[in-house]
C-alpha cells in the first residue's frame, strides 16, 4: 500500500467519480482504476462500490477512510515541517483556529505576516469549537492551532495571551452608557445564545456563570456563529456574549460593549503536534506580540 494509492482513493471519494478524479489527478482512468484495485487487494476487500452514476464507500471503505486521510495529511505536514525547519522562507503554513479568533485576531496578524514573510503562503482552517479544533489538528489538518489551551495535549503548548469575554447590547439599551455590569443585573433579560459558546465543567459557559449568579438565562434565539449573535444583540434581540476582539474589531460598529464585573477572561495558546521551528516558531512569536491578545498568562 502506497501513499499515492491512498491519495487516489481519497480523490475518488471526494469527487464521487473515477472520471473526475482521474482528471483532477492528471492520470488516465485505467491507471487510476488499476491503483485502486491494487489498494483493495492489499487491504483484502472492496473499498468502493461502483454505481451507474458514481461510487460510494463500502463498510470496509468507511473504516479505511479516516486512516487514509490521516496518513496523507501527515505526509503533507511532514513535508511542510521539513521546509519550515530551514526557516520561514518558503512553502505553506497551515493554521487551524476557532471562528472567533479567525474573525477578531488573525486578520491583522496575517497581514503583518505577509509583509514580513511574503514567500510563505498561509492556509486557514476554521472550526466551531475547541474540541473540533483539537481533533482536526491531531489528524494532521494543520501545522499549528490557535485557541484555548487543551487540557491534555502531548505536543508543545505556548501561551500567547488572553481574550476578554464581553456583553453586547444595542446603543439605546439603558446599560449602554456604562463601562461594566454585574451579571445579576441581567437576570430578567433575554439572551442570544451561540453554538460556539464554550463548555466549562461540562456545561455551556453562560449557564454556568448565570447559575453562579443565582438565575437561569432565558434564551431568545440560538445562532451558529459568534458574529451572528453579535448582530442579533445589536438589533435588540437580546444580550449576547462574545470575545471583545470580535466585537470591537470586526462586527460591532453599531452596538455597545459592556465588561462583566468581575471580568471574564479566556487564555489562548498556540499548540502543535511537533516542535515549533522555522515558520511555525516565527508565526507563534508574531502572534504572541499581537496587541489584541493582551499580556501572556501561564497555562497552569
Protein backbone atom coordinates (compact mmCIF):
# COMPACT_ATOMS: atom_id res chain seq x y z
CA UNK A 1 0.00 0.00 0.00
CA UNK A 2 1.48 3.33 -1.07
CA UNK A 3 0.81 6.95 -0.24
CA UNK A 4 -0.07 7.54 -3.89
CA UNK A 5 -2.74 4.83 -3.75
CA UNK A 6 -4.27 6.46 -0.68
CA UNK A 7 -4.23 9.83 -2.44
CA UNK A 8 -6.00 8.28 -5.43
CA UNK A 9 -8.57 6.65 -3.16
CA UNK A 10 -9.33 9.96 -1.41
CA UNK A 11 -9.68 11.75 -4.75
CA UNK A 12 -12.26 9.21 -5.93
CA UNK A 13 -14.19 9.55 -2.66
CA UNK A 14 -14.13 13.33 -2.80
CA UNK A 15 -15.22 13.50 -6.44
CA UNK A 16 -17.62 10.52 -6.24
CA UNK A 17 -16.36 9.63 -9.71
CA UNK A 18 -13.41 7.81 -11.25
CA UNK A 19 -13.60 10.06 -14.30
CA UNK A 20 -13.48 13.35 -12.37
CA UNK A 21 -10.81 12.01 -10.00
CA UNK A 22 -8.63 10.99 -12.94
CA UNK A 23 -8.96 14.47 -14.43
CA UNK A 24 -8.10 16.05 -11.10
CA UNK A 25 -5.04 13.83 -10.67
CA UNK A 26 -3.94 14.17 -14.33
CA UNK A 27 -3.86 10.42 -14.87
CA UNK A 28 -5.82 8.13 -17.18
CA UNK A 29 -8.91 6.44 -15.80
CA UNK A 30 -7.49 2.91 -16.43
CA UNK A 31 -4.35 3.85 -14.47
CA UNK A 32 -6.48 5.18 -11.60
CA UNK A 33 -8.67 2.07 -11.56
CA UNK A 34 -5.55 -0.14 -11.55
CA UNK A 35 -4.16 1.65 -8.48
CA UNK A 36 -7.47 1.41 -6.60
CA UNK A 37 -7.76 -2.30 -7.36
CA UNK A 38 -4.18 -2.82 -6.18
CA UNK A 39 -5.03 -1.00 -2.95
CA UNK A 40 -8.13 -3.14 -2.45
CA UNK A 41 -6.08 -6.30 -2.94
CA UNK A 42 -3.66 -5.09 -0.28
CA UNK A 43 -6.33 -4.33 2.32
CA UNK A 44 -8.22 -7.53 1.47
CA UNK A 45 -11.55 -6.33 0.16
CA UNK A 46 -13.54 -3.75 -1.80
CA UNK A 47 -13.30 -0.18 -0.56
CA UNK A 48 -15.56 1.36 -3.21
CA UNK A 49 -18.81 0.23 -4.76
CA UNK A 50 -19.07 1.15 -8.44
CA UNK A 51 -22.53 2.54 -9.26
CA UNK A 52 -24.08 3.52 -12.61
CA UNK A 53 -23.72 7.18 -11.60
CA UNK A 54 -20.74 7.41 -9.32
CA UNK A 55 -19.25 5.46 -6.47
CA UNK A 56 -19.85 5.05 -2.77
CA UNK A 57 -17.89 3.66 0.12
CA UNK A 58 -18.34 0.09 1.26
CA UNK A 59 -18.33 -0.65 5.02
CA UNK A 60 -14.64 -1.53 4.67
CA UNK A 61 -14.07 1.73 2.79
CA UNK A 62 -15.76 3.76 5.53
CA UNK A 63 -13.50 2.16 8.11
CA UNK A 64 -10.42 2.76 5.97
CA UNK A 65 -11.22 6.40 5.05
CA UNK A 66 -10.17 8.26 8.25
CA UNK A 67 -6.87 6.39 8.41
CA UNK A 68 -6.09 7.21 4.78
CA UNK A 69 -6.94 10.86 5.41
CA UNK A 70 -4.63 10.97 8.41
CA UNK A 71 -1.77 9.30 6.53
CA UNK A 72 -2.00 11.70 3.58
CA UNK A 73 -2.28 14.74 5.83
CA UNK A 74 0.61 13.58 7.98
CA UNK A 75 2.79 13.18 4.89
CA UNK A 76 1.91 16.70 3.77
CA UNK A 77 2.61 18.04 7.24
CA UNK A 78 5.97 16.24 7.29
CA UNK A 79 6.94 17.96 4.04
CA UNK A 80 5.88 21.35 5.40
CA UNK A 81 7.70 20.75 8.69
CA UNK A 82 10.90 19.85 6.88
CA UNK A 83 10.73 23.07 4.84
CA UNK A 84 9.81 25.11 7.91
CA UNK A 85 12.84 23.78 9.79
CA UNK A 86 15.03 25.52 7.25
CA UNK A 87 13.41 28.86 8.09
CA UNK A 88 10.30 30.88 7.24
CA UNK A 89 11.31 31.50 3.63
CA UNK A 90 9.01 29.36 1.52
CA UNK A 91 6.18 26.88 1.23
CA UNK A 92 2.85 26.92 3.06
CA UNK A 93 1.86 27.31 6.70
CA UNK A 94 -1.47 25.73 7.65
CA UNK A 95 -3.12 27.30 10.71
CA UNK A 96 -6.23 25.97 12.46
CA UNK A 97 -8.35 28.05 14.82
CA UNK A 98 -11.83 28.69 16.16
CA UNK A 99 -14.15 31.10 14.36
CA UNK A 100 -13.89 33.94 16.91
CA UNK A 101 -10.10 34.04 16.72
CA UNK A 102 -10.20 33.87 12.92
CA UNK A 103 -12.55 36.86 12.75
CA UNK A 104 -11.22 39.00 15.57
CA UNK A 105 -7.46 38.42 15.83
CA UNK A 106 -5.92 36.75 12.82
CA UNK A 107 -6.66 39.26 10.00
CA UNK A 108 -4.18 41.80 11.40
CA UNK A 109 -1.68 39.07 12.31
CA UNK A 110 -1.90 37.57 8.82
CA UNK A 111 -1.37 41.00 7.24
CA UNK A 112 1.77 41.57 9.30
CA UNK A 113 2.99 38.06 8.49
CA UNK A 114 2.55 38.66 4.76
CA UNK A 115 4.62 41.84 4.98
CA UNK A 116 7.39 40.08 6.90
CA UNK A 117 7.31 36.72 5.06
CA UNK A 118 5.80 37.21 1.59
CA UNK A 119 7.19 33.88 0.38
CA UNK A 120 5.15 31.80 2.84
CA UNK A 121 1.51 31.21 1.88
CA UNK A 122 -0.96 30.95 4.77
CA UNK A 123 -3.85 28.47 4.74
CA UNK A 124 -6.56 28.97 7.38
CA UNK A 125 -8.78 26.18 8.74
CA UNK A 126 -11.72 27.34 10.91
CA UNK A 127 -13.68 25.23 13.40
CA UNK A 128 -16.72 25.88 15.55
CA UNK A 129 -15.45 24.50 18.85
CA UNK A 130 -12.14 23.93 20.64
CA UNK A 131 -12.91 20.21 20.65
CA UNK A 132 -13.18 20.13 16.86
CA UNK A 133 -10.01 22.22 16.61
CA UNK A 134 -8.02 19.76 18.71
CA UNK A 135 -9.41 16.76 16.83
CA UNK A 136 -8.50 18.18 13.43
CA UNK A 137 -5.00 19.20 14.49
CA UNK A 138 -4.44 15.71 15.86
CA UNK A 139 -5.49 14.35 12.46
CA UNK A 140 -2.82 16.47 10.79
CA UNK A 141 -5.07 19.07 9.13
CA UNK A 142 -2.76 21.95 10.08
CA UNK A 143 0.76 22.71 11.28
CA UNK A 144 -0.38 24.56 14.39
CA UNK A 145 -3.56 25.63 16.16
CA UNK A 146 -4.58 28.87 17.87
CA UNK A 147 -7.24 28.61 20.54
CA UNK A 148 -7.92 27.82 24.19
CA UNK A 149 -5.06 25.69 25.54
CA UNK A 150 -6.05 22.00 25.51
CA UNK A 151 -6.16 20.24 28.86
CA UNK A 152 -4.18 17.17 27.83
CA UNK A 153 -2.03 17.73 24.77
CA UNK A 154 1.09 15.67 24.05
CA UNK A 155 2.86 18.32 21.95
CA UNK A 156 4.08 21.86 22.67
CA UNK A 157 1.59 24.41 24.05
CA UNK A 158 2.75 28.05 24.01
CA UNK A 159 0.69 30.73 25.82
CA UNK A 160 0.16 33.79 23.60
CA UNK A 161 -2.20 35.89 25.76
CA UNK A 162 -5.84 36.01 26.69
CA UNK A 163 -9.15 37.29 25.39
CA UNK A 164 -11.83 39.12 27.34
CA UNK A 165 -15.42 37.95 27.01
CA UNK A 166 -17.83 40.91 26.99
CA UNK A 167 -21.56 41.58 26.79
CA UNK A 168 -23.20 43.12 23.73
CA UNK A 169 -26.34 45.32 23.85
CA UNK A 170 -27.88 47.93 21.50
CA UNK A 171 -26.82 51.57 21.69
CA UNK A 172 -30.26 52.53 23.07
CA UNK A 173 -30.11 49.98 25.91
CA UNK A 174 -30.37 51.52 29.42
CA UNK A 175 -27.00 49.94 30.26
CA UNK A 176 -25.24 51.20 27.13
CA UNK A 177 -23.54 54.15 28.83
CA UNK A 178 -21.87 52.03 31.49
CA UNK A 179 -18.40 50.55 31.34
CA UNK A 180 -19.29 47.34 33.17
CA UNK A 181 -22.21 45.46 34.66
CA UNK A 182 -22.68 42.73 37.25
CA UNK A 183 -24.27 39.61 35.87
CA UNK A 184 -27.06 39.66 38.48
CA UNK A 185 -28.38 42.86 36.88
CA UNK A 186 -29.27 40.88 33.75
CA UNK A 187 -31.35 38.18 35.42
CA UNK A 188 -34.57 39.30 33.69
CA UNK A 189 -33.02 39.84 30.23
CA UNK A 190 -33.39 37.58 27.16
CA UNK A 191 -30.14 36.19 25.73
CA UNK A 192 -28.80 35.42 22.29
CA UNK A 193 -27.02 32.06 22.58
CA UNK A 194 -24.39 30.76 20.17
CA UNK A 195 -23.48 27.19 19.28
CA UNK A 196 -19.82 28.21 19.59
CA UNK A 197 -20.25 29.06 23.29
CA UNK A 198 -17.51 27.37 25.35
CA UNK A 199 -18.35 24.38 27.53
CA UNK A 200 -16.91 24.63 31.06
CA UNK A 201 -17.18 21.84 33.63
CA UNK A 202 -19.49 20.01 31.27
CA UNK A 203 -21.97 22.92 30.94
CA UNK A 204 -22.34 25.81 28.47
CA UNK A 205 -20.37 28.73 29.88
CA UNK A 206 -23.34 31.12 30.19
CA UNK A 207 -25.46 28.55 32.02
CA UNK A 208 -22.64 28.00 34.49
CA UNK A 209 -21.93 31.71 35.04
CA UNK A 210 -25.58 32.70 35.39
CA UNK A 211 -26.22 29.77 37.70
CA UNK A 212 -23.45 31.00 39.97
CA UNK A 213 -25.12 34.43 39.86
CA UNK A 214 -28.43 32.92 41.00
CA UNK A 215 -30.53 32.71 37.85
CA UNK A 216 -31.10 30.70 34.66
CA UNK A 217 -30.62 32.64 31.39
CA UNK A 218 -33.75 32.94 29.24
CA UNK A 219 -32.84 32.21 25.61
CA UNK A 220 -34.43 34.42 22.93
CA UNK A 221 -32.65 32.91 19.92
CA UNK A 222 -29.84 30.49 19.15
CA UNK A 223 -27.28 31.12 16.40
CA UNK A 224 -24.50 29.11 14.80
CA UNK A 225 -21.80 31.82 14.69
CA UNK A 226 -20.50 34.38 17.16
CA UNK A 227 -20.66 37.18 14.59
CA UNK A 228 -24.37 36.44 14.03
CA UNK A 229 -25.04 36.56 17.77
CA UNK A 230 -23.40 40.00 17.95
CA UNK A 231 -25.54 41.31 15.10
CA UNK A 232 -28.68 39.96 16.79
CA UNK A 233 -27.74 41.66 20.05
CA UNK A 234 -27.05 44.93 18.25
CA UNK A 235 -30.58 44.78 16.80
CA UNK A 236 -32.10 44.37 20.26
CA UNK A 237 -32.99 40.66 20.19
CA UNK A 238 -31.20 40.00 23.47
CA UNK A 239 -27.91 40.25 25.30
CA UNK A 240 -25.03 38.33 23.71
CA UNK A 241 -21.60 37.28 24.91
CA UNK A 242 -18.57 37.43 22.63
CA UNK A 243 -14.81 37.91 22.73
CA UNK A 244 -14.03 41.63 22.87
CA UNK A 245 -11.75 41.47 19.84
CA UNK A 246 -14.61 40.12 17.70
CA UNK A 247 -16.99 42.91 18.71
CA UNK A 248 -14.59 45.84 18.65
CA UNK A 249 -12.50 44.78 15.70
CA UNK A 250 -14.86 43.05 13.30
CA UNK A 251 -18.65 43.18 13.67
CA UNK A 252 -19.56 45.61 16.44
CA UNK A 253 -19.74 49.06 14.87
CA UNK A 254 -23.34 49.72 15.91
CA UNK A 255 -23.60 48.17 19.37
CA UNK A 256 -22.50 48.91 22.92
CA UNK A 257 -19.93 46.73 24.67
CA UNK A 258 -20.06 46.09 28.42
CA UNK A 259 -17.38 44.46 30.51
CA UNK A 260 -18.54 41.95 33.12
CA UNK A 261 -17.72 42.71 36.77
CA UNK A 262 -15.72 40.68 37.71
CA UNK A 263 -14.23 40.30 34.21
CA UNK A 264 -14.46 37.14 32.12
CA UNK A 265 -11.17 36.14 30.50
CA UNK A 266 -10.07 33.11 28.49
CA UNK A 267 -6.48 32.10 27.81
CA UNK A 268 -5.24 31.50 24.27
CA UNK A 269 -2.31 29.39 23.15
CA UNK A 270 -0.56 28.04 20.10
CA UNK A 271 -0.26 24.27 20.12
CA UNK A 272 1.18 21.77 17.68
CA UNK A 273 1.87 18.09 17.21
CA UNK A 274 5.60 18.66 16.79
CA UNK A 275 8.25 21.10 17.93
CA UNK A 276 7.70 24.67 16.73
CA UNK A 277 10.58 25.56 14.42
CA UNK A 278 11.15 27.80 11.44
CA UNK A 279 7.89 29.21 10.10
CA UNK A 280 5.75 27.83 12.92
CA UNK A 281 8.03 29.36 15.56
CA UNK A 282 8.10 32.68 13.71
CA UNK A 283 4.30 32.80 13.47
CA UNK A 284 3.94 31.98 17.17
CA UNK A 285 6.33 34.79 18.08
CA UNK A 286 4.41 37.23 15.88
CA UNK A 287 1.07 36.21 17.41
CA UNK A 288 2.39 36.48 20.96
CA UNK A 289 3.29 40.11 20.28
CA UNK A 290 -0.16 40.91 18.87
CA UNK A 291 -1.87 43.79 20.61
CA UNK A 292 -5.42 42.36 20.86
CA UNK A 293 -4.27 39.40 22.91
CA UNK A 294 -3.02 41.37 25.88
CA UNK A 295 -0.44 40.04 28.34
CA UNK A 296 0.70 36.47 28.35
CA UNK A 297 -0.59 34.21 31.08
CA UNK A 298 0.70 30.76 32.08
CA UNK A 299 -1.29 27.70 31.02
CA UNK A 300 -1.30 26.39 34.58
